[in-house]
């Protein structure tokens, strides 16, 4: 089962990446995340693990499985009967960036849980996209007025 959202941000991919890949700061710009702790350090890198707490969700530890710096990363969490994979991709579009977020749930329990929380997942992805857009565009506006 796949859930996805896209958001267009008026900034370059590098400006978006600087904020988006700083995952420990996500709680500063989205209410869908209570905390993110890099268990192996704060940088996004293959093999690094991040403990994420979200409202109405159990604490999960995500492991980074792929990174293309400045462009994308994927992380996943495994549990009994399921695997959830989340991908984050930046695509240039003129002087803007399209941010694509995708959550895929697999396995018999993973799909069942995914169906039960699909509305919450969509809401959280939308909150994260809108929060990222707001943070990046505000930082861009602040830099332009300085």
Protein backbone atom coordinates (compact mmCIF):
# COMPACT_ATOMS: atom_id res chain seq x y z
CA UNK A 1 0.00 0.00 0.00
CA UNK A 2 1.39 3.40 -1.02
CA UNK A 3 0.52 6.87 0.26
CA UNK A 4 2.16 9.90 -1.32
CA UNK A 5 2.09 13.68 -1.39
CA UNK A 6 3.86 16.37 -3.38
CA UNK A 7 4.46 20.01 -2.52
CA UNK A 8 6.00 22.74 -4.66
CA UNK A 9 8.40 25.11 -2.90
CA UNK A 10 9.72 28.41 -4.25
CA UNK A 11 13.39 27.66 -3.63
CA UNK A 12 16.27 25.68 -5.10
CA UNK A 13 16.69 21.99 -4.24
CA UNK A 14 19.84 22.83 -2.25
CA UNK A 15 17.94 25.34 -0.09
CA UNK A 16 15.17 22.78 0.51
CA UNK A 17 17.68 19.98 1.23
CA UNK A 18 19.47 22.04 3.88
CA UNK A 19 16.27 22.18 5.94
CA UNK A 20 14.65 18.88 4.95
CA UNK A 21 17.69 16.67 5.60
CA UNK A 22 18.20 18.24 9.05
CA UNK A 23 15.71 15.70 10.39
CA UNK A 24 16.34 16.36 14.08
CA UNK A 25 14.82 19.84 13.54
CA UNK A 26 11.58 18.59 11.96
CA UNK A 27 9.63 19.23 15.20
CA UNK A 28 10.48 22.95 14.74
CA UNK A 29 8.36 23.16 11.58
CA UNK A 30 5.76 20.37 11.69
CA UNK A 31 3.34 19.34 14.42
CA UNK A 32 3.27 15.82 12.95
CA UNK A 33 6.62 15.08 14.64
CA UNK A 34 7.25 15.25 18.40
CA UNK A 35 10.94 14.34 18.24
CA UNK A 36 13.66 12.91 16.02
CA UNK A 37 16.89 11.60 17.53
CA UNK A 38 19.80 10.43 15.42
CA UNK A 39 20.96 7.29 17.20
CA UNK A 40 24.16 7.16 15.14
CA UNK A 41 24.60 10.89 14.56
CA UNK A 42 22.42 13.59 13.01
CA UNK A 43 23.44 13.28 9.34
CA UNK A 44 21.39 11.37 6.79
CA UNK A 45 23.65 8.49 5.67
CA UNK A 46 23.09 4.85 4.74
CA UNK A 47 22.91 2.69 7.86
CA UNK A 48 22.11 5.58 10.22
CA UNK A 49 19.13 5.09 12.53
CA UNK A 50 16.66 7.71 13.72
CA UNK A 51 14.18 7.37 16.56
CA UNK A 52 10.99 9.20 15.62
CA UNK A 53 8.07 10.01 17.90
CA UNK A 54 4.79 11.20 16.42
CA UNK A 55 1.45 12.06 17.99
CA UNK A 56 -0.91 9.05 18.13
CA UNK A 57 1.85 6.68 16.94
CA UNK A 58 4.32 4.38 18.68
CA UNK A 59 7.99 5.35 18.81
CA UNK A 60 9.71 3.91 15.72
CA UNK A 61 13.35 3.53 14.74
CA UNK A 62 13.94 4.17 11.04
CA UNK A 63 17.12 3.09 9.23
CA UNK A 64 18.40 4.98 6.19
CA UNK A 65 18.70 2.58 3.25
CA UNK A 66 19.60 4.92 0.38
CA UNK A 67 20.84 8.49 -0.04
CA UNK A 68 21.58 10.68 -3.02
CA UNK A 69 22.84 13.86 -1.30
CA UNK A 70 20.88 16.94 -2.26
CA UNK A 71 18.30 14.83 -4.11
CA UNK A 72 16.72 12.03 -2.06
CA UNK A 73 16.85 9.59 0.79
CA UNK A 74 14.89 6.53 1.85
CA UNK A 75 14.51 4.99 5.26
CA UNK A 76 12.56 2.04 6.57
CA UNK A 77 11.24 0.47 9.71
CA UNK A 78 10.65 -3.27 10.07
CA UNK A 79 8.27 -4.91 12.47
CA UNK A 80 6.72 -8.33 12.85
CA UNK A 81 4.63 -8.88 9.73
CA UNK A 82 5.43 -5.62 8.01
CA UNK A 83 7.88 -3.15 6.58
CA UNK A 84 7.27 0.55 6.10
CA UNK A 85 9.50 2.47 3.70
CA UNK A 86 9.48 6.25 3.40
CA UNK A 87 11.14 8.09 0.54
CA UNK A 88 11.86 11.80 0.27
CA UNK A 89 12.75 13.23 -3.14
CA UNK A 90 13.56 16.72 -4.41
CA UNK A 91 13.00 17.50 -8.09
CA UNK A 92 13.94 20.87 -9.64
CA UNK A 93 11.19 22.67 -11.54
CA UNK A 94 12.49 25.95 -12.91
CA UNK A 95 13.32 28.11 -9.88
CA UNK A 96 11.20 25.86 -7.65
CA UNK A 97 11.50 22.43 -6.10
CA UNK A 98 8.91 19.70 -6.03
CA UNK A 99 9.16 17.64 -2.84
CA UNK A 100 7.77 14.13 -3.20
CA UNK A 101 7.05 12.10 -0.09
CA UNK A 102 6.03 8.46 -0.29
CA UNK A 103 5.16 5.90 2.37
CA UNK A 104 4.92 2.24 1.35
CA UNK A 105 3.63 -0.44 3.71
CA UNK A 106 4.25 -4.10 2.92
CA UNK A 107 3.56 -7.43 4.52
CA UNK A 108 0.24 -8.74 5.85
CA UNK A 109 0.29 -6.70 9.05
CA UNK A 110 1.94 -3.69 7.44
CA UNK A 111 -0.81 -3.38 4.82
CA UNK A 112 -3.56 -3.90 7.40
CA UNK A 113 -2.11 -1.23 9.69
CA UNK A 114 -1.54 1.03 6.69
CA UNK A 115 -5.22 0.79 5.76
CA UNK A 116 -6.29 1.56 9.34
CA UNK A 117 -4.12 4.67 9.62
CA UNK A 118 -4.21 5.86 6.01
CA UNK A 119 -6.09 9.06 6.90
CA UNK A 120 -3.59 9.90 9.63
CA UNK A 121 -0.67 9.11 7.31
CA UNK A 122 -2.05 11.43 4.61
CA UNK A 123 -2.66 14.17 7.17
CA UNK A 124 0.88 13.89 8.56
CA UNK A 125 2.47 13.90 5.09
CA UNK A 126 0.46 16.99 4.19
CA UNK A 127 1.48 18.71 7.44
CA UNK A 128 5.13 17.88 6.79
CA UNK A 129 5.01 19.18 3.21
CA UNK A 130 3.24 22.40 4.21
CA UNK A 131 5.55 22.94 7.18
CA UNK A 132 8.65 22.42 5.05
CA UNK A 133 7.31 24.81 2.39
CA UNK A 134 6.59 27.46 5.01
CA UNK A 135 10.01 27.10 6.68
CA UNK A 136 12.00 27.18 3.43
CA UNK A 137 10.08 30.07 1.88
CA UNK A 138 10.25 32.10 5.11
CA UNK A 139 14.01 31.57 5.34
CA UNK A 140 14.31 32.64 1.68
CA UNK A 141 12.23 35.78 2.34
CA UNK A 142 14.30 36.61 5.43
CA UNK A 143 17.55 36.27 3.45
CA UNK A 144 16.20 38.48 0.66
CA UNK A 145 15.25 41.26 3.10
CA UNK A 146 18.54 41.14 5.01
